C-alpha atoms as a PDB file:
ATOM      1  CA  MET A   1       4.292  95.066 157.261  1.00  0.00           C
ATOM      2  CA  LYS A   2       5.890  97.814 159.267  1.00  0.00           C
ATOM      3  CA  ILE A   3       8.827  99.797 157.855  1.00  0.00           C
ATOM      4  CA  THR A   4      11.100 101.065 160.596  1.00  0.00           C
ATOM      5  CA  GLU A   5      12.725 104.467 160.636  1.00  0.00           C
ATOM      6  CA  GLN A   6      16.090 102.687 160.726  1.00  0.00           C
ATOM      7  CA  GLU A   7      15.241 100.989 157.404  1.00  0.00           C
ATOM      8  CA  VAL A   8      14.234 104.327 155.894  1.00  0.00           C
ATOM      9  CA  ARG A   9      17.497 105.886 157.072  1.00  0.00           C
ATOM     10  CA  ARG A  10      19.470 103.012 155.494  1.00  0.00           C
ATOM     11  CA  VAL A  11      17.666 103.324 152.151  1.00  0.00           C
ATOM     12  CA  ALA A  12      18.113 107.112 152.223  1.00  0.00           C
ATOM     13  CA  GLU A  13      21.822 106.613 152.892  1.00  0.00           C
ATOM     14  CA  LEU A  14      22.125 104.180 149.969  1.00  0.00           C
ATOM     15  CA  ALA A  15      20.297 106.681 147.729  1.00  0.00           C
ATOM     16  CA  ASN A  16      22.527 109.490 149.006  1.00  0.00           C
ATOM     17  CA  LEU A  17      19.503 111.414 150.316  1.00  0.00           C
ATOM     18  CA  ALA A  18      19.641 113.755 153.278  1.00  0.00           C
ATOM     19  CA  LEU A  19      16.278 113.455 155.013  1.00  0.00           C
ATOM     20  CA  ARG A  20      15.151 115.385 158.058  1.00  0.00           C
ATOM     21  CA  ASP A  21      13.606 113.539 161.009  1.00  0.00           C
ATOM     22  CA  ASP A  22      10.087 114.624 160.038  1.00  0.00           C
ATOM     23  CA  GLU A  23      10.680 113.350 156.489  1.00  0.00           C
ATOM     24  CA  ILE A  24      11.948 110.015 157.822  1.00  0.00           C
ATOM     25  CA  GLY A  25       8.685 109.486 159.715  1.00  0.00           C
ATOM     26  CA  ARG A  26       6.584 110.467 156.724  1.00  0.00           C
ATOM     27  CA  MET A  27       8.574 108.205 154.390  1.00  0.00           C
ATOM     28  CA  ALA A  28       8.243 105.267 156.790  1.00  0.00           C
ATOM     29  CA  HIS A  29       4.459 105.775 156.812  1.00  0.00           C
ATOM     30  CA  ASP A  30       4.236 106.174 153.014  1.00  0.00           C
ATOM     31  CA  LEU A  31       6.426 103.152 152.290  1.00  0.00           C
ATOM     32  CA  ASP A  32       4.420 101.083 154.739  1.00  0.00           C
ATOM     33  CA  GLU A  33       1.196 102.021 152.919  1.00  0.00           C
ATOM     34  CA  ILE A  34       2.751 101.114 149.548  1.00  0.00           C
ATOM     35  CA  LEU A  35       3.840  97.695 150.810  1.00  0.00           C
ATOM     36  CA  THR A  36       0.406  97.117 152.355  1.00  0.00           C
ATOM     37  CA  HIS A  37      -1.173  97.851 148.969  1.00  0.00           C
ATOM     38  CA  ILE A  38       1.246  95.438 147.259  1.00  0.00           C
ATOM     39  CA  ASP A  39       0.260  92.752 149.780  1.00  0.00           C
ATOM     40  CA  LYS A  40      -3.378  93.281 148.754  1.00  0.00           C
ATOM     41  CA  LEU A  41      -2.417  92.946 145.075  1.00  0.00           C
ATOM     42  CA  ASN A  42      -0.581  89.697 145.847  1.00  0.00           C
ATOM     43  CA  GLU A  43      -3.901  88.247 147.060  1.00  0.00           C
ATOM     44  CA  LEU A  44      -5.357  88.438 143.533  1.00  0.00           C
ATOM     45  CA  ASP A  45      -5.707  85.199 141.582  1.00  0.00           C
ATOM     46  CA  VAL A  46      -3.752  85.717 138.368  1.00  0.00           C
ATOM     47  CA  SER A  47      -3.335  82.033 137.508  1.00  0.00           C
ATOM     48  CA  SER A  48      -5.453  82.451 134.364  1.00  0.00           C
ATOM     49  CA  VAL A  49      -3.560  85.534 133.160  1.00  0.00           C
ATOM     50  CA  GLU A  50      -0.887  84.796 130.589  1.00  0.00           C
ATOM     51  CA  PRO A  51       2.516  86.299 131.432  1.00  0.00           C
ATOM     52  CA  MET A  52       3.722  89.176 129.267  1.00  0.00           C
ATOM     53  CA  ALA A  53       7.279  89.592 128.070  1.00  0.00           C
ATOM     54  CA  GLN A  54       6.587  93.215 127.184  1.00  0.00           C
ATOM     55  CA  VAL A  55       3.737  95.695 127.242  1.00  0.00           C
ATOM     56  CA  LEU A  56       3.817  96.433 123.528  1.00  0.00           C
ATOM     57  CA  TYR A  57       0.963  95.277 121.352  1.00  0.00           C
ATOM     58  CA  ASP A  58       0.110  95.197 117.653  1.00  0.00           C
ATOM     59  CA  ALA A  59      -1.076  98.721 116.989  1.00  0.00           C
ATOM     60  CA  GLY A  60      -0.981  98.740 113.217  1.00  0.00           C
ATOM     61  CA  GLU A  61      -0.775 102.196 111.721  1.00  0.00           C
ATOM     62  CA  THR A  62      -0.879 103.920 115.103  1.00  0.00           C
ATOM     63  CA  ALA A  63       2.371 102.299 116.261  1.00  0.00           C
ATOM     64  CA  THR A  64       5.116 104.817 116.965  1.00  0.00           C
ATOM     65  CA  LEU A  65       7.976 102.332 116.866  1.00  0.00           C
ATOM     66  CA  ARG A  66      10.286 102.311 113.880  1.00  0.00           C
ATOM     67  CA  GLU A  67      11.800  99.321 112.170  1.00  0.00           C
ATOM     68  CA  ASP A  68      15.297  98.442 113.397  1.00  0.00           C
ATOM     69  CA  ARG A  69      17.852  99.065 110.662  1.00  0.00           C
ATOM     70  CA  GLU A  70      21.604  98.884 110.835  1.00  0.00           C
ATOM     71  CA  GLN A  71      23.185 102.300 110.347  1.00  0.00           C
ATOM     72  CA  PRO A  72      26.743 103.566 110.572  1.00  0.00           C
ATOM     73  CA  THR A  73      27.737 104.881 113.981  1.00  0.00           C
ATOM     74  CA  LEU A  74      28.494 108.548 114.543  1.00  0.00           C
ATOM     75  CA  ASP A  75      32.092 109.641 114.301  1.00  0.00           C
ATOM     76  CA  ASN A  76      33.576 110.356 117.739  1.00  0.00           C
ATOM     77  CA  ALA A  77      34.715 113.840 116.675  1.00  0.00           C
ATOM     78  CA  VAL A  78      31.163 114.740 115.603  1.00  0.00           C
ATOM     79  CA  VAL A  79      29.739 113.554 118.926  1.00  0.00           C
ATOM     80  CA  MET A  80      32.386 115.354 120.986  1.00  0.00           C
ATOM     81  CA  ALA A  81      31.728 118.577 119.060  1.00  0.00           C
ATOM     82  CA  ASN A  82      28.360 118.732 120.860  1.00  0.00           C
ATOM     83  CA  ALA A  83      29.830 118.132 124.320  1.00  0.00           C
ATOM     84  CA  PRO A  84      29.992 121.120 126.683  1.00  0.00           C
ATOM     85  CA  LEU A  85      33.229 119.677 128.067  1.00  0.00           C
ATOM     86  CA  ALA A  86      35.240 116.803 126.596  1.00  0.00           C
ATOM     87  CA  GLY A  87      38.632 115.255 127.032  1.00  0.00           C
ATOM     88  CA  HIS A  88      40.465 112.219 125.618  1.00  0.00           C
ATOM     89  CA  GLY A  89      37.429 111.329 123.504  1.00  0.00           C
ATOM     90  CA  PHE A  90      34.976 111.225 126.429  1.00  0.00           C
ATOM     91  CA  PHE A  91      32.342 113.511 127.914  1.00  0.00           C
ATOM     92  CA  LYS A  92      33.528 115.205 131.107  1.00  0.00           C
ATOM     93  CA  VAL A  93      30.870 115.674 133.755  1.00  0.00           C
ATOM     94  CA  PRO A  94      30.969 117.174 137.255  1.00  0.00           C
ATOM     95  CA  LYS A  95      31.451 114.787 140.148  1.00  0.00           C
ATOM     96  CA  VAL A  96      28.094 114.111 141.801  1.00  0.00           C
ATOM     97  CA  ILE A  97      29.005 111.569 144.463  1.00  0.00           C
ATOM     98  CA  GLU A  98      30.807 113.088 147.408  1.00  0.00           C
ATOM     99  CA  ARG A  99      31.557 109.913 149.343  1.00  0.00           C
END
């Protein structure tokens, strides 16, 4: 599979990335190698492998997950007290998308 520079430019635009021409060429090459590797993985016979819903397993005492317990939510005033900038009960953050 060959990734074109036009496809890389489109993905970079969607990700709001400004790539130089030399980076576009390198990314096209790297992405092409990744997709080639995935094609090789797709050739593997996994028909005897049972699907997994999650990657967690029974770890007994070594498990780091805690039991889910219902707890009261934090008061909005307490949460907003930790905000560097807040207004109308919400966190205020700088605009990051220029388009």
